[in-house]
Amino acid sequence: MAINTADFIEQLKSMTILEVNELVQALQTEFGVSAVVAAGPATGGPAAPVEDEKTEFDVVLVSPGDKKIQVIKVIRDVTGLGLKEAKEIADTAPKAVKTGVSKDEADKLKAQFEAEGATIELK
């Protein structure tokens, strides 16, 4: 008796996770395959390597925008640099403002700069 794909998928939807797991194990045994090998992309090639989630980010000032003085103040606040050094970062954009910061801190810094009209990129 042949079953079409749509009917099979409907039957899978009604199964519990435990039942699906037992089905997968039975298929592996019957056909001598591993679900890990069989789970490649639809193109039939090997599965793409999973990249580790990035944990450290660089906050890069792409452009200070129209409110350059306010952006320089933010640079000074977040880096502790003097006026001359902060102005140099704003003048030579794109330039890293902070490097190796957490995702939360990078998002917070980006919001501070964007509130003053600067363009920020997280790398």
Protein backbone atom coordinates (compact mmCIF):
# COMPACT_ATOMS: atom_id res chain seq x y z
CA MET A 1 0.00 0.00 0.00
CA ALA A 2 1.53 3.32 -1.09
CA ILE A 3 1.08 6.43 1.02
CA ASN A 4 1.47 9.91 -0.45
CA THR A 5 3.72 12.54 1.12
CA ALA A 6 0.91 14.80 2.32
CA ASP A 7 -0.79 11.92 4.18
CA PHE A 8 2.53 10.89 5.73
CA ILE A 9 3.19 14.44 6.95
CA GLU A 10 -0.30 14.62 8.45
CA GLN A 11 0.36 11.35 10.29
CA LEU A 12 3.68 12.76 11.60
CA LYS A 13 1.89 15.85 12.91
CA SER A 14 -0.38 13.68 15.02
CA MET A 15 2.53 11.75 16.58
CA THR A 16 4.27 12.54 19.85
CA ILE A 17 7.99 13.35 19.92
CA LEU A 18 8.66 9.93 21.43
CA GLU A 19 6.77 8.23 18.60
CA VAL A 20 8.66 10.25 15.97
CA ASN A 21 11.95 9.35 17.66
CA GLU A 22 11.02 5.63 17.56
CA LEU A 23 10.10 5.99 13.87
CA VAL A 24 13.45 7.61 13.08
CA GLN A 25 15.32 4.86 14.91
CA ALA A 26 13.34 2.19 13.06
CA LEU A 27 14.10 3.84 9.70
CA GLN A 28 17.79 4.05 10.59
CA THR A 29 17.85 0.35 11.43
CA GLU A 30 15.81 -0.69 8.38
CA PHE A 31 17.85 1.26 5.84
CA GLY A 32 21.22 1.30 7.60
CA VAL A 33 21.54 5.10 7.58
CA SER A 34 22.07 7.78 10.17
CA ALA A 35 19.67 10.71 10.53
CA VAL A 36 22.66 13.01 10.96
CA VAL A 37 24.06 12.09 7.54
CA ALA A 38 20.64 12.14 5.91
CA ALA A 39 19.86 15.63 7.25
CA GLY A 40 22.00 17.56 4.76
CA PRO A 41 20.61 20.56 2.87
CA ALA A 42 18.00 20.04 0.15
CA THR A 43 20.71 20.37 -2.51
CA GLY A 44 21.97 16.92 -1.56
CA GLY A 45 25.38 18.18 -0.50
CA PRO A 46 26.93 17.88 2.93
CA ALA A 47 25.44 19.91 5.75
CA ALA A 48 26.94 23.36 6.19
CA PRO A 49 29.10 23.80 9.29
CA VAL A 50 27.35 25.53 12.14
CA GLU A 51 29.04 28.80 13.02
CA ASP A 52 29.51 29.71 16.66
CA GLU A 53 27.44 32.66 17.75
CA LYS A 54 29.55 35.77 18.01
CA THR A 55 30.06 36.93 21.60
CA GLU A 56 32.35 39.94 21.17
CA PHE A 57 31.61 42.93 18.99
CA ASP A 58 33.39 46.05 17.77
CA VAL A 59 31.39 49.28 17.79
CA VAL A 60 32.43 51.20 14.68
CA LEU A 61 31.49 54.83 14.07
CA VAL A 62 30.67 54.95 10.36
CA SER A 63 29.60 58.61 10.34
CA PRO A 64 29.11 61.18 13.08
CA GLY A 65 26.12 62.67 11.25
CA ASP A 66 24.99 66.28 11.66
CA LYS A 67 25.45 66.50 15.45
CA LYS A 68 29.20 65.96 15.53
CA ILE A 69 29.73 67.77 18.84
CA GLN A 70 27.15 65.61 20.61
CA VAL A 71 28.71 62.48 19.07
CA ILE A 72 32.14 63.56 20.32
CA LYS A 73 30.63 63.93 23.81
CA VAL A 74 29.27 60.37 23.60
CA ILE A 75 32.67 59.10 22.43
CA ARG A 76 34.29 60.77 25.43
CA ASP A 77 31.67 59.36 27.81
CA VAL A 78 31.97 55.76 26.63
CA THR A 79 35.74 55.64 26.11
CA GLY A 80 37.15 58.03 28.71
CA LEU A 81 39.25 59.68 25.99
CA GLY A 82 40.14 63.35 25.95
CA LEU A 83 38.57 65.89 23.64
CA LYS A 84 41.37 65.71 21.05
CA GLU A 85 41.28 61.90 20.80
CA ALA A 86 37.48 61.77 20.67
CA LYS A 87 37.40 64.44 17.94
CA GLU A 88 39.99 62.47 15.98
CA ILE A 89 37.75 59.38 16.03
CA ALA A 90 34.79 61.44 14.79
CA ASP A 91 36.91 63.12 12.09
CA THR A 92 38.44 59.87 10.78
CA ALA A 93 35.26 57.76 10.64
CA PRO A 94 34.81 54.92 9.93
CA LYS A 95 36.71 54.14 13.12
CA ALA A 96 36.26 51.66 15.97
CA VAL A 97 35.04 53.35 19.14
CA LYS A 98 35.10 50.25 21.37
CA THR A 99 36.26 46.74 20.63
CA GLY A 100 35.56 43.35 22.16
CA VAL A 101 32.34 44.31 23.95
CA SER A 102 29.36 42.07 24.70
CA LYS A 103 26.26 42.07 22.49
CA ASP A 104 24.23 43.89 25.16
CA GLU A 105 26.86 46.60 25.62
CA ALA A 106 27.31 46.95 21.85
CA ASP A 107 23.55 47.41 21.37
CA LYS A 108 23.45 49.95 24.21
CA LEU A 109 26.33 51.94 22.71
CA LYS A 110 24.78 51.80 19.25
CA ALA A 111 21.54 53.23 20.65
CA GLN A 112 23.43 56.07 22.40
CA PHE A 113 25.22 57.07 19.21
CA GLU A 114 22.16 56.73 16.99
CA ALA A 115 20.19 58.94 19.39
CA GLU A 116 22.66 61.71 18.47
CA GLY A 117 22.34 61.02 14.72
CA ALA A 118 25.52 58.98 14.25
CA THR A 119 25.72 55.93 12.03
CA ILE A 120 27.11 52.90 13.88
CA GLU A 121 28.03 49.44 12.69
CA LEU A 122 28.57 46.40 14.89
CA LYS A 123 31.22 44.03 13.66
